[in-house]
């Protein structure tokens, strides 16, 4: 039987329409061009320039790697959609790309959840969590998240993902499934994956950031720069929370609704394809998360900011030294000794003031490391 007869009119319009052949690949192209250099920069910075490796940095490094791997798979999706949803790389490659696509997406969700829990412990339980918030435990948590994401994508590697349509002259990759697979293992698989690898992490992330924002409301008023740092920390927490909800919630909810609706259908052409078509669009929009993660976590890390500020200070010093070297040679010995005495007194006062301010603002740094 010709596979194209199994398609509903709505699914046929989607496969041949401009949404799947122009809009989706165009957006994937934009995400690829922006996210790849940003995530490469983030990986290099977290790997080579930040010492020591604190738990938050380890989570951010793994998140940047997951986003980078996700973006590196986008050329296959771009070529597939621009070719009219025609997969030309073979059935085995379709399985690998589909499984890796979901694996990296779920790994990003799990790592964002780890970061939210780490910040909850650092801000709300700073003393009690010292034994838990170690680089070793953070590395173990990251390995566990990668293993969970990989295990969740294994069924996609073991099942057929391509369907050939003779009338249309195309071979789809994962976008079309036969009814027996939809009613059977795929409904159970995607429902389980959605609940375990999205709904549960979403609840944990929302609760964690809600507690963090609530804890920041009661920071003592004596802290220097309290308002500015508190506002920055709250805005960053809200940004991460909203970004996580908007990027992942619509696609996963539509996927769950799509497979739950298929339980009563008896014919393939009655499958509610509208929700799945919307899922593919929202999943494409959710890929924007790869562009936003490096910006939020890279600039939200105080260690990264210290690296940038130290690099800028070194640049300023290089510019000042040549211009001041000539005048320093003409200074007298008496003036030089006097300057040294005054500078030593000033430096001691500045050092005391800096240590005092650092001790007062330490709880903000627990959120921003």
Protein backbone atom coordinates (compact mmCIF):
# COMPACT_ATOMS: atom_id res chain seq x y z
CA UNK A 1 0.00 0.00 0.00
CA UNK A 2 1.26 3.45 -0.87
CA UNK A 3 2.43 5.19 2.30
CA UNK A 4 1.05 8.53 1.16
CA UNK A 5 -2.50 7.18 1.55
CA UNK A 6 -1.89 6.93 5.27
CA UNK A 7 -1.44 10.68 5.55
CA UNK A 8 -4.23 13.03 6.52
CA UNK A 9 -4.74 16.16 4.49
CA UNK A 10 -3.36 18.27 7.33
CA UNK A 11 -0.15 16.22 7.52
CA UNK A 12 0.24 16.35 3.74
CA UNK A 13 -0.07 20.14 3.74
CA UNK A 14 2.50 20.40 6.51
CA UNK A 15 5.05 18.19 4.75
CA UNK A 16 4.77 20.14 1.51
CA UNK A 17 4.01 23.60 2.91
CA UNK A 18 6.29 26.58 3.60
CA UNK A 19 6.30 26.11 7.39
CA UNK A 20 8.28 22.87 7.27
CA UNK A 21 10.27 23.62 4.10
CA UNK A 22 11.15 27.30 4.64
CA UNK A 23 10.40 28.63 8.15
CA UNK A 24 11.75 25.71 10.22
CA UNK A 25 15.05 25.26 8.31
CA UNK A 26 15.59 29.03 8.19
CA UNK A 27 15.25 29.29 11.96
CA UNK A 28 17.50 26.26 12.45
CA UNK A 29 20.09 27.98 10.25
CA UNK A 30 19.96 31.12 12.38
CA UNK A 31 20.30 29.07 15.57
CA UNK A 32 23.27 27.19 14.12
CA UNK A 33 25.12 30.35 13.05
CA UNK A 34 24.66 32.03 16.45
CA UNK A 35 24.91 29.13 18.90
CA UNK A 36 28.00 27.36 17.55
CA UNK A 37 30.50 30.23 18.06
CA UNK A 38 28.90 31.23 21.39
CA UNK A 39 29.06 27.70 22.78
CA UNK A 40 32.61 27.17 21.51
CA UNK A 41 33.62 30.38 23.29
CA UNK A 42 31.86 29.22 26.45
CA UNK A 43 33.53 25.77 26.36
CA UNK A 44 36.99 27.30 25.85
CA UNK A 45 36.44 29.81 28.64
CA UNK A 46 35.14 27.28 31.15
CA UNK A 47 37.88 24.79 30.23
CA UNK A 48 41.03 26.89 29.99
CA UNK A 49 40.52 30.23 31.70
CA UNK A 50 38.56 29.52 34.89
CA UNK A 51 40.39 28.09 37.90
CA UNK A 52 39.40 26.44 40.16
CA UNK A 53 36.51 24.44 38.75
CA UNK A 54 33.56 25.07 41.04
CA UNK A 55 30.35 22.99 40.78
CA UNK A 56 28.45 25.70 38.91
CA UNK A 57 31.24 25.98 36.34
CA UNK A 58 31.21 22.20 35.80
CA UNK A 59 27.46 22.27 35.17
CA UNK A 60 27.80 25.22 32.81
CA UNK A 61 30.61 23.50 30.90
CA UNK A 62 28.51 20.38 30.37
CA UNK A 63 25.50 22.48 29.39
CA UNK A 64 27.59 24.32 26.81
CA UNK A 65 28.83 20.96 25.45
CA UNK A 66 25.26 19.66 25.20
CA UNK A 67 24.12 22.81 23.40
CA UNK A 68 27.12 22.62 21.07
CA UNK A 69 26.44 18.99 20.17
CA UNK A 70 22.78 19.84 19.62
CA UNK A 71 23.74 22.69 17.27
CA UNK A 72 26.20 20.50 15.36
CA UNK A 73 23.30 18.20 14.39
CA UNK A 74 21.26 21.05 12.94
CA UNK A 75 22.87 20.94 9.44
CA UNK A 76 21.22 17.52 8.93
CA UNK A 77 17.84 18.95 9.91
CA UNK A 78 18.41 22.05 7.78
CA UNK A 79 19.27 20.02 4.70
CA UNK A 80 16.33 17.67 5.33
CA UNK A 81 13.71 20.44 5.58
CA UNK A 82 15.10 22.60 2.77
CA UNK A 83 14.96 19.50 0.52
CA UNK A 84 11.20 19.27 1.03
CA UNK A 85 11.41 16.94 4.05
CA UNK A 86 13.40 14.42 2.05
CA UNK A 87 16.02 12.43 4.01
CA UNK A 88 18.97 11.43 1.80
CA UNK A 89 21.45 10.15 4.38
CA UNK A 90 20.07 6.65 4.88
CA UNK A 91 17.86 5.03 7.55
CA UNK A 92 20.69 4.33 10.00
CA UNK A 93 21.85 7.93 9.98
CA UNK A 94 18.26 9.02 10.54
CA UNK A 95 18.12 6.89 13.66
CA UNK A 96 21.39 8.27 15.01
CA UNK A 97 20.51 11.92 14.32
CA UNK A 98 17.01 11.57 15.80
CA UNK A 99 18.30 9.84 18.94
CA UNK A 100 21.13 12.36 19.38
CA UNK A 101 18.72 15.25 18.83
CA UNK A 102 16.46 14.13 21.69
CA UNK A 103 19.42 13.05 23.85
CA UNK A 104 21.01 16.50 23.76
CA UNK A 105 17.68 18.25 24.35
CA UNK A 106 16.92 16.11 27.41
CA UNK A 107 20.48 16.48 28.68
CA UNK A 108 20.13 20.27 28.49
CA UNK A 109 16.93 20.09 30.53
CA UNK A 110 18.56 17.90 33.17
CA UNK A 111 21.68 20.06 33.42
CA UNK A 112 19.63 23.23 33.82
CA UNK A 113 17.84 21.45 36.65
CA UNK A 114 21.19 20.59 38.25
CA UNK A 115 22.23 24.24 38.06
CA UNK A 116 18.97 25.34 39.69
CA UNK A 117 19.45 22.84 42.55
CA UNK A 118 23.09 23.91 42.97
CA UNK A 119 22.07 27.56 43.30
CA UNK A 120 19.29 26.64 45.71
CA UNK A 121 21.83 24.89 47.96
CA UNK A 122 24.36 27.72 47.65
CA UNK A 123 21.92 30.51 48.52
CA UNK A 124 19.38 28.92 50.87
CA UNK A 125 21.63 26.34 52.57
CA UNK A 126 25.15 27.79 52.21
CA UNK A 127 26.65 26.03 55.26
CA UNK A 128 24.82 22.71 55.21
CA UNK A 129 25.55 22.20 51.51
CA UNK A 130 29.33 22.66 51.70
CA UNK A 131 29.92 18.90 51.86
CA UNK A 132 27.63 18.26 48.88
CA UNK A 133 28.68 21.11 46.58
CA UNK A 134 32.06 19.70 45.58
CA UNK A 135 33.59 19.41 42.08
CA UNK A 136 33.63 15.62 42.40
CA UNK A 137 29.91 15.42 43.17
CA UNK A 138 29.15 17.88 40.38
CA UNK A 139 31.07 15.71 37.91
CA UNK A 140 29.20 12.61 39.09
CA UNK A 141 25.88 14.43 38.68
CA UNK A 142 26.81 15.48 35.12
CA UNK A 143 27.78 11.93 34.16
CA UNK A 144 24.48 10.69 35.59
CA UNK A 145 22.52 13.26 33.58
CA UNK A 146 24.31 12.26 30.36
CA UNK A 147 23.60 8.58 31.05
CA UNK A 148 19.91 9.26 31.71
CA UNK A 149 19.59 11.27 28.50
CA UNK A 150 21.42 8.58 26.52
CA UNK A 151 19.28 5.80 27.99
CA UNK A 152 16.16 7.72 27.09
CA UNK A 153 17.20 7.94 23.43
CA UNK A 154 18.12 4.26 22.95
CA UNK A 155 14.60 3.20 21.79
CA UNK A 156 14.83 5.71 18.94
CA UNK A 157 18.03 4.05 17.69
CA UNK A 158 16.44 0.61 17.77
CA UNK A 159 13.27 1.55 15.83
CA UNK A 160 12.72 2.50 12.21
CA UNK A 161 12.46 6.25 11.67
CA UNK A 162 12.17 6.63 7.89
CA UNK A 163 9.01 6.33 5.75
CA UNK A 164 9.13 6.57 1.94
CA UNK A 165 6.33 8.28 -0.02
CA UNK A 166 6.33 7.31 -3.68
CA UNK A 167 3.76 9.91 -4.80
CA UNK A 168 5.64 12.74 -3.11
CA UNK A 169 9.07 11.41 -3.99
CA UNK A 170 10.39 11.97 -0.46
CA UNK A 171 11.59 9.91 2.50
CA UNK A 172 10.66 11.40 5.86
CA UNK A 173 12.81 11.06 8.97
CA UNK A 174 10.87 10.67 12.24
CA UNK A 175 8.14 13.08 11.10
CA UNK A 176 5.71 10.31 10.06
CA UNK A 177 5.02 7.10 12.00
CA UNK A 178 2.75 4.14 11.30
CA UNK A 179 -0.37 3.71 13.40
CA UNK A 180 0.67 0.49 15.15
CA UNK A 181 3.87 2.13 16.40
CA UNK A 182 1.99 5.28 17.40
CA UNK A 183 -0.57 3.35 19.48
CA UNK A 184 2.01 1.01 20.97
CA UNK A 185 5.56 1.61 22.03
CA UNK A 186 5.86 5.25 20.92
CA UNK A 187 2.92 6.38 23.05
CA UNK A 188 4.35 4.63 26.10
CA UNK A 189 7.89 5.79 25.32
CA UNK A 190 7.20 9.49 24.75
CA UNK A 191 4.74 9.70 27.65
CA UNK A 192 7.32 8.20 30.02
CA UNK A 193 10.15 10.35 28.67
CA UNK A 194 8.06 13.51 28.88
CA UNK A 195 7.11 12.85 32.50
CA UNK A 196 10.55 11.75 33.71
CA UNK A 197 12.86 13.97 31.67
CA UNK A 198 10.75 17.10 31.45
CA UNK A 199 7.82 17.40 33.88
CA UNK A 200 9.84 16.34 36.94
CA UNK A 201 12.87 18.54 36.06
CA UNK A 202 10.51 21.43 35.35
CA UNK A 203 8.92 21.18 38.79
CA UNK A 204 12.34 20.98 40.47
CA UNK A 205 13.61 23.99 38.51
CA UNK A 206 10.56 26.13 39.29
CA UNK A 207 10.66 25.29 43.00
CA UNK A 208 14.42 25.87 43.22
CA UNK A 209 14.45 29.28 41.56
CA UNK A 210 11.35 30.34 43.49
CA UNK A 211 13.16 29.56 46.75
CA UNK A 212 16.28 31.39 45.53
CA UNK A 213 14.33 34.54 44.63
CA UNK A 214 12.46 34.41 47.93
CA UNK A 215 15.72 34.03 49.89
CA UNK A 216 17.23 37.06 48.17
CA UNK A 217 14.36 39.22 49.43
CA UNK A 218 15.65 39.04 53.02
CA UNK A 219 19.29 39.95 52.39
CA UNK A 220 20.53 42.38 55.12
CA UNK A 221 20.41 46.07 54.24
CA UNK A 222 23.99 46.67 55.38
CA UNK A 223 25.49 44.92 52.36
CA UNK A 224 27.30 47.33 50.06
CA UNK A 225 25.62 47.46 46.65
CA UNK A 226 22.67 45.47 48.00
CA UNK A 227 20.05 46.82 45.61
CA UNK A 228 22.15 46.49 42.47
CA UNK A 229 23.39 42.97 43.19
CA UNK A 230 20.02 41.78 44.45
CA UNK A 231 18.30 43.07 41.31
CA UNK A 232 20.94 41.47 39.09
CA UNK A 233 20.65 38.09 40.85
CA UNK A 234 16.84 38.12 40.76
CA UNK A 235 16.73 39.14 37.10
CA UNK A 236 19.18 36.39 36.18
CA UNK A 237 17.17 33.76 38.08
CA UNK A 238 13.92 34.92 36.49
CA UNK A 239 15.51 34.96 33.03
CA UNK A 240 16.74 31.38 33.33
CA UNK A 241 13.37 30.23 34.67
CA UNK A 242 11.33 31.96 31.95
CA UNK A 243 13.73 30.81 29.23
CA UNK A 244 13.49 27.21 30.42
CA UNK A 245 9.69 27.31 30.59
CA UNK A 246 9.19 28.99 27.21
CA UNK A 247 11.75 26.95 25.28
CA UNK A 248 10.81 23.47 26.47
CA UNK A 249 7.26 23.53 27.86
CA UNK A 250 5.20 24.10 24.67
CA UNK A 251 6.93 21.37 22.64
CA UNK A 252 6.81 18.72 25.37
CA UNK A 253 3.20 19.46 26.30
CA UNK A 254 2.07 19.25 22.65
CA UNK A 255 3.98 16.00 22.18
CA UNK A 256 2.28 14.49 25.22
CA UNK A 257 -1.16 15.65 24.06
CA UNK A 258 -0.53 14.26 20.58
CA UNK A 259 0.24 10.75 21.77
CA UNK A 260 -2.53 10.73 24.36
CA UNK A 261 -5.07 11.74 21.69
CA UNK A 262 -4.07 8.81 19.49
CA UNK A 263 -5.45 6.18 21.87
CA UNK A 264 -8.97 6.20 20.37
CA UNK A 265 -8.18 6.39 16.68
CA UNK A 266 -8.76 3.33 14.52
CA UNK A 267 -7.46 4.59 11.17
CA UNK A 268 -4.19 6.23 10.31
CA UNK A 269 -5.83 9.12 8.49
CA UNK A 270 -7.70 10.06 11.67
CA UNK A 271 -4.55 10.68 13.69
CA UNK A 272 -4.62 14.25 15.08
CA UNK A 273 -1.65 15.56 13.07
CA UNK A 274 -2.28 19.19 14.00
CA UNK A 275 -0.76 18.85 17.46
CA UNK A 276 2.29 17.06 16.09
CA UNK A 277 2.81 19.71 13.41
CA UNK A 278 2.62 22.38 16.10
CA UNK A 279 5.05 20.31 18.18
CA UNK A 280 7.63 20.37 15.36
CA UNK A 281 7.28 24.15 15.10
CA UNK A 282 7.63 24.70 18.86
CA UNK A 283 10.55 22.30 19.02
CA UNK A 284 12.25 24.43 16.39
CA UNK A 285 11.54 27.55 18.43
CA UNK A 286 12.83 25.76 21.51
CA UNK A 287 16.22 25.35 19.84
CA UNK A 288 16.74 29.08 20.53
CA UNK A 289 17.70 27.88 23.99
CA UNK A 290 21.13 27.00 22.53
CA UNK A 291 21.69 30.69 21.75
CA UNK A 292 20.48 31.98 25.12
CA UNK A 293 22.21 29.52 27.46
CA UNK A 294 25.79 30.72 26.79
CA UNK A 295 24.82 34.36 27.31
CA UNK A 296 22.91 33.79 30.54
CA UNK A 297 25.37 31.41 32.18
CA UNK A 298 28.56 32.91 30.80
CA UNK A 299 27.76 36.45 31.91
CA UNK A 300 25.98 35.19 35.02
CA UNK A 301 29.19 33.61 36.35
CA UNK A 302 31.23 35.86 38.60
CA UNK A 303 34.32 33.85 37.71
CA UNK A 304 33.82 34.67 34.04
CA UNK A 305 33.32 38.30 34.92
CA UNK A 306 36.54 38.32 36.95
CA UNK A 307 38.37 36.83 33.99
CA UNK A 308 37.01 39.52 31.69
CA UNK A 309 37.74 42.34 34.15
CA UNK A 310 41.27 41.09 34.81
CA UNK A 311 41.89 40.88 31.08
CA UNK A 312 40.63 44.45 30.66
CA UNK A 313 42.79 45.66 33.56
CA UNK A 314 45.85 44.04 32.04
CA UNK A 315 45.10 45.79 28.78
CA UNK A 316 44.78 49.15 30.54
CA UNK A 317 48.04 48.59 32.40
CA UNK A 318 49.83 47.88 29.13
CA UNK A 319 48.50 51.16 27.75
CA UNK A 320 49.43 53.20 30.84
CA UNK A 321 52.96 51.88 31.47
CA UNK A 322 54.60 53.17 28.24
CA UNK A 323 53.16 56.67 28.67
CA UNK A 324 54.16 56.95 32.33
CA UNK A 325 57.64 55.42 32.07
CA UNK A 326 59.27 58.55 30.65
CA UNK A 327 57.96 60.85 33.37
CA UNK A 328 58.88 58.41 36.11
CA UNK A 329 62.54 58.55 35.14
CA UNK A 330 62.59 62.35 35.75
CA UNK A 331 61.23 62.09 39.31
CA UNK A 332 63.62 62.78 42.18
CA UNK A 333 64.57 60.25 44.86
CA UNK A 334 62.90 62.25 47.66
CA UNK A 335 59.62 62.52 45.79
CA UNK A 336 59.71 58.81 45.01
CA UNK A 337 60.17 57.83 48.68
CA UNK A 338 57.33 60.10 49.72
CA UNK A 339 55.07 58.61 47.06
CA UNK A 340 55.92 55.11 48.20
CA UNK A 341 55.02 55.91 51.81
CA UNK A 342 51.73 57.52 50.82
CA UNK A 343 50.85 54.70 48.46
CA UNK A 344 51.58 52.08 51.11
CA UNK A 345 49.18 53.78 53.53
CA UNK A 346 46.55 54.13 50.82
CA UNK A 347 46.94 50.52 49.74
CA UNK A 348 46.51 49.28 53.30
CA UNK A 349 43.29 51.27 53.66
CA UNK A 350 42.02 50.05 50.28
CA UNK A 351 42.88 46.46 51.18
CA UNK A 352 40.92 46.67 54.44
CA UNK A 353 37.97 48.26 52.68
CA UNK A 354 38.00 45.64 49.92
CA UNK A 355 38.07 42.77 52.40
CA UNK A 356 35.22 44.36 54.34
CA UNK A 357 33.08 44.75 51.24
CA UNK A 358 33.94 41.25 50.05
CA UNK A 359 32.78 39.71 53.32
CA UNK A 360 29.50 41.61 53.20
CA UNK A 361 28.68 40.63 49.62
CA UNK A 362 29.66 36.96 49.83
CA UNK A 363 26.11 35.64 49.82
CA UNK A 364 25.48 37.25 46.45
CA UNK A 365 28.54 35.56 45.05
CA UNK A 366 27.14 32.19 46.10
CA UNK A 367 24.41 32.69 43.53
CA UNK A 368 26.65 34.03 40.79
CA UNK A 369 29.58 31.60 40.86
